């Protein structure tokens, strides 16, 4: 068709998000503390959180919010 593709356009971008890998739960779990993953499983399956779980989750959220600013 006469379309020209430059070589630079065919090279994979390291900063691009790999959506298939992002959706894979096992890769998501690698980036977070084990305790937080356990809390996420409890929430996903409707298991009530203990008081210690709630405190841990709140502290983790507060720590992450401070990083944004």
C-alpha atoms as a PDB file:
ATOM      1  CA  UNK A   1       0.000   0.000   0.000  1.00  0.00           C
ATOM      2  CA  UNK A   2       3.000   2.259   0.076  1.00  0.00           C
ATOM      3  CA  UNK A   3       2.954   2.735   3.855  1.00  0.00           C
ATOM      4  CA  UNK A   4       6.391   3.340   5.306  1.00  0.00           C
ATOM      5  CA  UNK A   5       7.284   2.120   8.792  1.00  0.00           C
ATOM      6  CA  UNK A   6      10.459   3.398  10.342  1.00  0.00           C
ATOM      7  CA  UNK A   7      12.666   1.017  12.320  1.00  0.00           C
ATOM      8  CA  UNK A   8      12.265   3.102  15.483  1.00  0.00           C
ATOM      9  CA  UNK A   9       8.492   2.487  15.419  1.00  0.00           C
ATOM     10  CA  UNK A  10       8.971  -1.289  15.585  1.00  0.00           C
ATOM     11  CA  UNK A  11      11.145  -1.309  18.742  1.00  0.00           C
ATOM     12  CA  UNK A  12       9.316  -2.176  21.976  1.00  0.00           C
ATOM     13  CA  UNK A  13       8.981   0.646  24.484  1.00  0.00           C
ATOM     14  CA  UNK A  14      10.326  -0.277  27.948  1.00  0.00           C
ATOM     15  CA  UNK A  15       7.998   2.253  29.568  1.00  0.00           C
ATOM     16  CA  UNK A  16       4.849   0.884  27.907  1.00  0.00           C
ATOM     17  CA  UNK A  17       2.383  -0.933  30.139  1.00  0.00           C
ATOM     18  CA  UNK A  18       1.962  -4.627  29.402  1.00  0.00           C
ATOM     19  CA  UNK A  19      -1.771  -4.962  30.075  1.00  0.00           C
ATOM     20  CA  UNK A  20      -1.792  -8.756  29.949  1.00  0.00           C
ATOM     21  CA  UNK A  21       0.933  -8.984  32.597  1.00  0.00           C
ATOM     22  CA  UNK A  22      -0.704  -6.226  34.629  1.00  0.00           C
ATOM     23  CA  UNK A  23      -3.932  -8.203  34.825  1.00  0.00           C
ATOM     24  CA  UNK A  24      -2.111 -11.316  35.988  1.00  0.00           C
ATOM     25  CA  UNK A  25      -2.601 -11.553  39.757  1.00  0.00           C
ATOM     26  CA  UNK A  26       0.665 -13.327  40.421  1.00  0.00           C
ATOM     27  CA  UNK A  27       2.691 -10.410  39.035  1.00  0.00           C
ATOM     28  CA  UNK A  28       0.627  -7.937  41.040  1.00  0.00           C
ATOM     29  CA  UNK A  29       1.362  -9.895  44.186  1.00  0.00           C
ATOM     30  CA  UNK A  30       5.121  -9.743  43.631  1.00  0.00           C
ATOM     31  CA  UNK A  31       5.168  -5.979  44.110  1.00  0.00           C
ATOM     32  CA  UNK A  32       3.391  -5.839  47.470  1.00  0.00           C
ATOM     33  CA  UNK A  33       4.122  -7.107  50.988  1.00  0.00           C
ATOM     34  CA  UNK A  34       2.802 -10.594  51.719  1.00  0.00           C
ATOM     35  CA  UNK A  35       0.582  -9.313  54.514  1.00  0.00           C
ATOM     36  CA  UNK A  36      -1.118  -6.838  52.184  1.00  0.00           C
ATOM     37  CA  UNK A  37      -1.770  -9.580  49.624  1.00  0.00           C
ATOM     38  CA  UNK A  38      -3.384 -11.699  52.354  1.00  0.00           C
ATOM     39  CA  UNK A  39      -5.617  -8.764  53.295  1.00  0.00           C
ATOM     40  CA  UNK A  40      -6.575  -8.291  49.643  1.00  0.00           C
ATOM     41  CA  UNK A  41      -7.561 -11.972  49.444  1.00  0.00           C
ATOM     42  CA  UNK A  42      -9.737 -11.576  52.535  1.00  0.00           C
ATOM     43  CA  UNK A  43     -11.482  -8.571  51.001  1.00  0.00           C
ATOM     44  CA  UNK A  44     -11.950 -10.353  47.658  1.00  0.00           C
ATOM     45  CA  UNK A  45     -13.545 -13.403  49.302  1.00  0.00           C
ATOM     46  CA  UNK A  46     -15.666 -11.406  51.761  1.00  0.00           C
ATOM     47  CA  UNK A  47     -13.789 -12.550  54.863  1.00  0.00           C
ATOM     48  CA  UNK A  48     -14.023  -9.962  57.651  1.00  0.00           C
ATOM     49  CA  UNK A  49     -10.781  -8.201  58.497  1.00  0.00           C
ATOM     50  CA  UNK A  50      -9.376  -8.330  61.991  1.00  0.00           C
ATOM     51  CA  UNK A  51      -8.547  -5.147  63.855  1.00  0.00           C
ATOM     52  CA  UNK A  52      -4.839  -5.750  63.176  1.00  0.00           C
ATOM     53  CA  UNK A  53      -5.574  -6.125  59.439  1.00  0.00           C
ATOM     54  CA  UNK A  54      -7.485  -2.841  59.401  1.00  0.00           C
ATOM     55  CA  UNK A  55      -4.649  -1.010  61.170  1.00  0.00           C
ATOM     56  CA  UNK A  56      -2.052  -2.452  58.781  1.00  0.00           C
ATOM     57  CA  UNK A  57      -4.151  -1.492  55.748  1.00  0.00           C
ATOM     58  CA  UNK A  58      -4.729   2.051  57.031  1.00  0.00           C
ATOM     59  CA  UNK A  59      -1.016   2.566  57.733  1.00  0.00           C
ATOM     60  CA  UNK A  60      -0.067   1.245  54.300  1.00  0.00           C
ATOM     61  CA  UNK A  61      -2.568   3.604  52.630  1.00  0.00           C
ATOM     62  CA  UNK A  62      -1.281   6.585  54.616  1.00  0.00           C
ATOM     63  CA  UNK A  63       2.318   5.773  53.695  1.00  0.00           C
ATOM     64  CA  UNK A  64       1.413   5.518  49.994  1.00  0.00           C
ATOM     65  CA  UNK A  65      -0.510   8.800  50.050  1.00  0.00           C
ATOM     66  CA  UNK A  66       2.525  10.638  51.395  1.00  0.00           C
ATOM     67  CA  UNK A  67       4.554   9.429  48.404  1.00  0.00           C
ATOM     68  CA  UNK A  68       2.182  11.168  46.003  1.00  0.00           C
ATOM     69  CA  UNK A  69       2.955  14.616  47.366  1.00  0.00           C
END
